[in-house]
N, C-alpha and C. Protein backbone atom coordinates (compact mmCIF):
# COMPACT_ATOMS: atom_id res chain seq x y z
N MET A 1 -6.24 13.59 -6.37
CA MET A 1 -7.47 12.83 -6.31
C MET A 1 -7.38 11.77 -7.41
N PHE A 2 -7.73 10.53 -7.06
CA PHE A 2 -7.72 9.48 -8.06
C PHE A 2 -8.90 8.55 -7.86
N GLU A 3 -9.25 7.89 -8.95
CA GLU A 3 -10.23 6.80 -8.91
C GLU A 3 -9.44 5.50 -8.95
N GLY A 4 -9.96 4.50 -8.28
CA GLY A 4 -9.33 3.20 -8.33
C GLY A 4 -10.31 2.13 -7.91
N THR A 5 -10.03 0.91 -8.31
CA THR A 5 -10.84 -0.23 -7.92
C THR A 5 -10.25 -0.82 -6.65
N PHE A 6 -11.05 -0.87 -5.60
CA PHE A 6 -10.60 -1.37 -4.30
C PHE A 6 -10.19 -2.84 -4.44
N ALA A 7 -8.93 -3.12 -4.10
CA ALA A 7 -8.40 -4.48 -4.22
C ALA A 7 -8.11 -5.09 -2.85
N GLY A 8 -8.63 -4.48 -1.81
CA GLY A 8 -8.49 -5.03 -0.47
C GLY A 8 -7.46 -4.31 0.37
N TYR A 9 -7.27 -4.85 1.57
CA TYR A 9 -6.28 -4.29 2.49
C TYR A 9 -5.62 -5.44 3.23
N GLU A 10 -4.48 -5.12 3.81
CA GLU A 10 -3.74 -6.11 4.59
C GLU A 10 -3.11 -5.41 5.78
N ASP A 11 -2.87 -6.15 6.85
CA ASP A 11 -2.17 -5.57 7.98
C ASP A 11 -0.79 -5.13 7.52
N ASP A 12 -0.34 -4.00 8.00
CA ASP A 12 0.97 -3.48 7.65
C ASP A 12 2.04 -4.37 8.28
N PRO A 13 2.97 -4.92 7.48
CA PRO A 13 3.99 -5.79 8.07
C PRO A 13 4.91 -5.07 9.05
N LEU A 14 4.96 -3.76 8.97
CA LEU A 14 5.76 -2.97 9.92
C LEU A 14 4.96 -2.62 11.16
N ASP A 15 3.79 -3.22 11.29
CA ASP A 15 2.87 -2.90 12.38
C ASP A 15 3.41 -3.30 13.75
N SER A 16 4.49 -4.05 13.79
CA SER A 16 5.04 -4.46 15.07
C SER A 16 5.60 -3.26 15.83
N VAL A 17 5.94 -2.19 15.10
CA VAL A 17 6.45 -0.98 15.75
C VAL A 17 5.31 -0.19 16.37
N VAL A 18 4.31 0.11 15.59
CA VAL A 18 3.12 0.82 16.07
C VAL A 18 1.91 0.05 15.56
N GLU A 19 1.12 -0.50 16.47
CA GLU A 19 -0.04 -1.29 16.05
C GLU A 19 -1.12 -0.41 15.47
N GLY A 20 -1.96 -1.03 14.65
CA GLY A 20 -3.12 -0.34 14.13
C GLY A 20 -2.93 0.34 12.80
N HIS A 21 -2.23 -0.33 11.87
CA HIS A 21 -2.02 0.22 10.53
C HIS A 21 -2.31 -0.86 9.50
N VAL A 22 -2.82 -0.42 8.35
CA VAL A 22 -3.05 -1.33 7.23
C VAL A 22 -2.49 -0.71 5.96
N ASN A 23 -2.29 -1.56 4.96
CA ASN A 23 -1.96 -1.14 3.60
C ASN A 23 -3.21 -1.37 2.76
N VAL A 24 -3.58 -0.37 1.96
CA VAL A 24 -4.80 -0.44 1.17
C VAL A 24 -4.43 -0.40 -0.30
N LYS A 25 -4.96 -1.37 -1.09
CA LYS A 25 -4.57 -1.49 -2.49
C LYS A 25 -5.71 -1.12 -3.44
N PHE A 26 -5.33 -0.43 -4.52
CA PHE A 26 -6.25 -0.06 -5.59
C PHE A 26 -5.65 -0.47 -6.92
N ASP A 27 -6.49 -0.99 -7.81
CA ASP A 27 -6.10 -1.31 -9.18
C ASP A 27 -6.87 -0.40 -10.13
N ASP A 28 -6.49 -0.44 -11.41
CA ASP A 28 -7.15 0.38 -12.44
C ASP A 28 -7.23 1.84 -12.01
N VAL A 29 -6.10 2.36 -11.56
CA VAL A 29 -6.03 3.72 -11.02
C VAL A 29 -6.03 4.74 -12.16
N ARG A 30 -6.78 5.81 -11.94
CA ARG A 30 -6.84 6.93 -12.90
C ARG A 30 -6.79 8.23 -12.11
N VAL A 31 -5.78 9.06 -12.38
CA VAL A 31 -5.68 10.36 -11.71
C VAL A 31 -6.81 11.24 -12.24
N VAL A 32 -7.59 11.81 -11.33
CA VAL A 32 -8.70 12.68 -11.69
C VAL A 32 -8.24 14.14 -11.65
N ALA A 33 -7.48 14.49 -10.63
CA ALA A 33 -6.97 15.85 -10.49
C ALA A 33 -5.73 15.82 -9.61
N CYS A 34 -4.76 16.69 -9.94
CA CYS A 34 -3.54 16.77 -9.15
C CYS A 34 -2.89 18.12 -9.43
N GLU A 35 -2.30 18.71 -8.39
CA GLU A 35 -1.65 20.01 -8.55
C GLU A 35 -0.35 19.91 -9.34
N VAL A 36 0.26 18.73 -9.33
CA VAL A 36 1.48 18.50 -10.10
C VAL A 36 1.22 17.32 -11.03
N GLU A 37 2.06 17.16 -12.04
CA GLU A 37 1.88 16.01 -12.92
C GLU A 37 2.19 14.74 -12.13
N ALA A 38 1.27 13.83 -12.11
CA ALA A 38 1.42 12.63 -11.29
C ALA A 38 1.29 11.38 -12.15
N ASP A 39 2.30 10.56 -12.11
CA ASP A 39 2.25 9.27 -12.78
C ASP A 39 2.36 8.23 -11.68
N ILE A 40 1.21 7.80 -11.16
CA ILE A 40 1.23 6.89 -10.02
C ILE A 40 1.02 5.44 -10.43
N GLY A 41 0.89 5.20 -11.72
CA GLY A 41 0.78 3.84 -12.21
C GLY A 41 -0.64 3.31 -12.19
N ASN A 42 -0.79 2.08 -12.65
CA ASN A 42 -2.10 1.44 -12.77
C ASN A 42 -2.58 0.85 -11.45
N SER A 43 -1.64 0.42 -10.61
CA SER A 43 -1.97 -0.12 -9.30
C SER A 43 -1.25 0.70 -8.25
N LEU A 44 -1.85 0.80 -7.08
CA LEU A 44 -1.31 1.65 -6.04
C LEU A 44 -1.62 1.06 -4.69
N MET A 45 -0.63 1.05 -3.80
CA MET A 45 -0.88 0.63 -2.43
C MET A 45 -0.61 1.81 -1.53
N LEU A 46 -1.63 2.21 -0.77
CA LEU A 46 -1.45 3.24 0.24
C LEU A 46 -0.95 2.54 1.48
N LYS A 47 0.24 2.91 1.94
CA LYS A 47 0.89 2.17 3.01
C LYS A 47 0.73 2.85 4.36
N SER A 48 0.72 2.03 5.39
CA SER A 48 0.68 2.46 6.79
C SER A 48 -0.45 3.44 7.07
N ILE A 49 -1.65 3.06 6.69
CA ILE A 49 -2.83 3.86 6.97
C ILE A 49 -3.23 3.59 8.42
N SER A 50 -3.23 4.63 9.24
CA SER A 50 -3.55 4.43 10.65
C SER A 50 -5.04 4.15 10.83
N LEU A 51 -5.33 3.27 11.74
CA LEU A 51 -6.71 2.88 12.05
C LEU A 51 -7.10 3.62 13.32
N GLY A 52 -7.83 4.70 13.15
CA GLY A 52 -8.18 5.53 14.30
C GLY A 52 -7.07 6.53 14.58
N ASP A 53 -7.27 7.33 15.61
CA ASP A 53 -6.32 8.40 15.92
C ASP A 53 -5.02 7.84 16.49
N THR A 54 -3.93 8.47 16.09
CA THR A 54 -2.62 8.15 16.64
C THR A 54 -2.01 9.44 17.17
N TYR A 55 -0.84 9.35 17.75
CA TYR A 55 -0.19 10.54 18.28
C TYR A 55 0.22 11.52 17.18
N TYR A 56 0.33 11.04 15.94
CA TYR A 56 0.80 11.90 14.85
C TYR A 56 -0.29 12.27 13.85
N ALA A 57 -1.45 11.63 13.90
CA ALA A 57 -2.50 11.93 12.94
C ALA A 57 -3.86 11.49 13.46
N LYS A 58 -4.87 12.22 13.09
CA LYS A 58 -6.24 11.80 13.38
C LYS A 58 -6.76 11.09 12.15
N SER A 59 -7.31 9.90 12.35
CA SER A 59 -7.80 9.12 11.23
C SER A 59 -9.24 8.72 11.47
N PRO A 60 -10.11 8.94 10.50
CA PRO A 60 -11.52 8.55 10.65
C PRO A 60 -11.77 7.09 10.26
N PHE A 61 -10.71 6.34 9.98
CA PHE A 61 -10.88 5.00 9.42
C PHE A 61 -10.57 3.90 10.42
N PRO A 62 -11.59 3.28 11.01
CA PRO A 62 -11.34 2.06 11.78
C PRO A 62 -11.18 0.89 10.80
N LYS A 63 -10.67 -0.23 11.27
CA LYS A 63 -10.45 -1.38 10.40
C LYS A 63 -11.77 -1.83 9.77
N GLU A 64 -12.86 -1.71 10.50
CA GLU A 64 -14.18 -2.11 9.98
C GLU A 64 -14.56 -1.31 8.73
N PHE A 65 -14.08 -0.08 8.63
CA PHE A 65 -14.37 0.75 7.46
C PHE A 65 -13.87 0.05 6.20
N PHE A 66 -12.60 -0.38 6.22
CA PHE A 66 -12.03 -1.04 5.05
C PHE A 66 -12.65 -2.41 4.83
N GLY A 67 -12.99 -3.10 5.93
CA GLY A 67 -13.65 -4.39 5.81
C GLY A 67 -15.04 -4.28 5.21
N GLY A 68 -15.64 -3.09 5.30
CA GLY A 68 -16.98 -2.87 4.76
C GLY A 68 -17.01 -2.50 3.29
N ILE A 69 -15.84 -2.30 2.69
CA ILE A 69 -15.79 -1.97 1.26
C ILE A 69 -15.63 -3.27 0.48
N LYS A 70 -16.51 -3.49 -0.45
CA LYS A 70 -16.47 -4.70 -1.26
C LYS A 70 -15.31 -4.64 -2.24
N VAL A 71 -14.48 -5.69 -2.25
CA VAL A 71 -13.39 -5.77 -3.22
C VAL A 71 -14.00 -5.68 -4.62
N GLY A 72 -13.42 -4.84 -5.45
CA GLY A 72 -13.94 -4.62 -6.80
C GLY A 72 -14.75 -3.36 -6.92
N SER A 73 -15.04 -2.69 -5.79
CA SER A 73 -15.80 -1.43 -5.82
C SER A 73 -14.92 -0.31 -6.34
N ARG A 74 -15.51 0.54 -7.15
CA ARG A 74 -14.81 1.71 -7.65
C ARG A 74 -14.84 2.77 -6.56
N CYS A 75 -13.69 3.43 -6.32
CA CYS A 75 -13.59 4.41 -5.24
C CYS A 75 -12.95 5.69 -5.74
N LEU A 76 -13.25 6.77 -5.06
CA LEU A 76 -12.59 8.05 -5.27
C LEU A 76 -11.78 8.33 -4.02
N VAL A 77 -10.50 8.65 -4.21
CA VAL A 77 -9.60 8.86 -3.08
C VAL A 77 -8.96 10.24 -3.19
N TYR A 78 -9.08 11.00 -2.11
CA TYR A 78 -8.35 12.26 -2.00
C TYR A 78 -7.03 11.93 -1.34
N GLY A 79 -5.94 12.22 -2.02
CA GLY A 79 -4.63 11.86 -1.50
C GLY A 79 -3.71 13.05 -1.42
N ASP A 80 -2.59 12.81 -0.78
CA ASP A 80 -1.53 13.81 -0.65
C ASP A 80 -0.33 13.27 -1.42
N TYR A 81 -0.06 13.89 -2.56
CA TYR A 81 1.04 13.46 -3.42
C TYR A 81 2.36 14.09 -2.99
N SER A 82 2.31 15.06 -2.10
CA SER A 82 3.52 15.79 -1.72
C SER A 82 4.49 14.94 -0.92
N ARG A 83 4.02 13.83 -0.32
CA ARG A 83 4.92 12.99 0.46
C ARG A 83 5.40 11.81 -0.39
N TRP A 84 5.56 12.03 -1.68
CA TRP A 84 5.90 10.97 -2.61
C TRP A 84 7.22 10.31 -2.24
N ASP A 85 7.23 9.00 -2.25
CA ASP A 85 8.46 8.22 -2.21
C ASP A 85 8.22 6.96 -3.04
N HIS A 86 9.21 6.16 -3.25
CA HIS A 86 9.07 5.02 -4.15
C HIS A 86 8.16 3.93 -3.60
N ASP A 87 8.01 3.85 -2.28
CA ASP A 87 7.16 2.81 -1.71
C ASP A 87 5.70 3.20 -1.68
N ALA A 88 5.41 4.46 -1.47
CA ALA A 88 4.01 4.89 -1.34
C ALA A 88 3.88 6.30 -1.92
N PRO A 89 3.60 6.42 -3.21
CA PRO A 89 3.56 7.74 -3.83
C PRO A 89 2.42 8.63 -3.35
N VAL A 90 1.41 8.05 -2.73
CA VAL A 90 0.25 8.83 -2.29
C VAL A 90 -0.13 8.39 -0.88
N ALA A 91 -0.53 9.35 -0.07
CA ALA A 91 -1.06 9.05 1.27
C ALA A 91 -2.46 9.65 1.34
N PHE A 92 -3.32 9.11 2.21
CA PHE A 92 -4.64 9.70 2.38
C PHE A 92 -4.50 11.15 2.82
N ASP A 93 -5.39 11.99 2.34
CA ASP A 93 -5.46 13.37 2.81
C ASP A 93 -6.39 13.37 4.03
N TYR A 94 -5.82 13.18 5.21
CA TYR A 94 -6.62 13.04 6.42
C TYR A 94 -7.43 14.30 6.75
N LYS A 95 -7.02 15.45 6.20
CA LYS A 95 -7.79 16.68 6.43
C LYS A 95 -9.20 16.57 5.87
N MET A 96 -9.39 15.68 4.90
CA MET A 96 -10.71 15.49 4.29
C MET A 96 -11.63 14.65 5.18
N GLY A 97 -11.08 14.02 6.20
CA GLY A 97 -11.89 13.18 7.07
C GLY A 97 -12.40 11.96 6.31
N LYS A 98 -13.61 11.52 6.63
CA LYS A 98 -14.16 10.32 5.99
C LYS A 98 -14.33 10.50 4.48
N GLU A 99 -14.40 11.73 4.01
CA GLU A 99 -14.56 11.98 2.58
C GLU A 99 -13.28 11.68 1.80
N ALA A 100 -12.18 11.36 2.49
CA ALA A 100 -10.93 11.04 1.80
C ALA A 100 -11.06 9.78 0.96
N LEU A 101 -12.04 8.93 1.28
CA LEU A 101 -12.29 7.74 0.48
C LEU A 101 -13.79 7.56 0.35
N SER A 102 -14.28 7.61 -0.88
CA SER A 102 -15.71 7.44 -1.15
C SER A 102 -15.91 6.32 -2.15
N VAL A 103 -16.85 5.43 -1.87
CA VAL A 103 -17.21 4.41 -2.84
C VAL A 103 -18.13 5.07 -3.86
N ILE A 104 -17.76 4.98 -5.13
CA ILE A 104 -18.52 5.64 -6.19
C ILE A 104 -19.19 4.62 -7.11
N GLU A 105 -19.12 3.36 -6.74
CA GLU A 105 -19.72 2.29 -7.52
C GLU A 105 -21.20 2.60 -7.77
N GLY A 106 -21.62 2.56 -9.01
CA GLY A 106 -23.03 2.75 -9.34
C GLY A 106 -23.46 4.20 -9.49
N LEU A 107 -22.56 5.16 -9.26
CA LEU A 107 -22.93 6.56 -9.45
C LEU A 107 -22.89 6.93 -10.94
N GLN A 108 -23.58 7.99 -11.29
CA GLN A 108 -23.59 8.46 -12.67
C GLN A 108 -22.18 8.84 -13.11
N GLU A 109 -21.94 8.84 -14.40
CA GLU A 109 -20.61 9.09 -14.94
C GLU A 109 -20.05 10.45 -14.52
N ASN A 110 -20.89 11.45 -14.43
CA ASN A 110 -20.44 12.79 -14.04
C ASN A 110 -20.64 13.03 -12.54
N TYR A 111 -20.37 12.01 -11.73
CA TYR A 111 -20.59 12.08 -10.28
C TYR A 111 -19.85 13.24 -9.62
N LEU A 112 -18.74 13.68 -10.17
CA LEU A 112 -17.98 14.78 -9.57
C LEU A 112 -18.74 16.10 -9.57
N LYS A 113 -19.77 16.21 -10.39
CA LYS A 113 -20.59 17.43 -10.42
C LYS A 113 -21.68 17.38 -9.36
N MET A 114 -21.81 16.27 -8.66
CA MET A 114 -22.82 16.15 -7.62
C MET A 114 -22.43 16.99 -6.42
N GLU A 115 -23.42 17.55 -5.74
CA GLU A 115 -23.17 18.41 -4.58
C GLU A 115 -22.39 17.70 -3.49
N SER A 116 -22.58 16.41 -3.33
CA SER A 116 -21.89 15.66 -2.28
C SER A 116 -20.38 15.60 -2.50
N PHE A 117 -19.90 15.90 -3.71
CA PHE A 117 -18.47 15.88 -3.98
C PHE A 117 -17.89 17.27 -4.09
N ALA A 118 -18.66 18.30 -3.81
CA ALA A 118 -18.15 19.68 -3.86
C ALA A 118 -17.18 19.90 -2.72
N CYS A 119 -16.08 20.57 -3.02
CA CYS A 119 -15.07 20.89 -1.98
C CYS A 119 -15.16 22.34 -1.58
């Protein structure tokens, strides 16, 4: 799980193979919790995020979802660090559904203690 400032999204350049994917970028990244020691850096791009369901994954994120997030908004992201590689150290944890990405802009500092963030 990490916090990051939403820096926008772009169509995945590899999208010519399978349409409907974007890359999502976050800056000012801070790891909040992780089962292993994770050094994911200050900026992070989540690559090949599927827009809607595909044959290999169910995704609650249509393109409009990312378009509705204001660039500069602080977000909480539940990710899967186990598929680490040099291009994309973290992937969305699709098992979390829409809760895999929450805009936390304007919430109290101890927002993780709120019932809406209980797992």
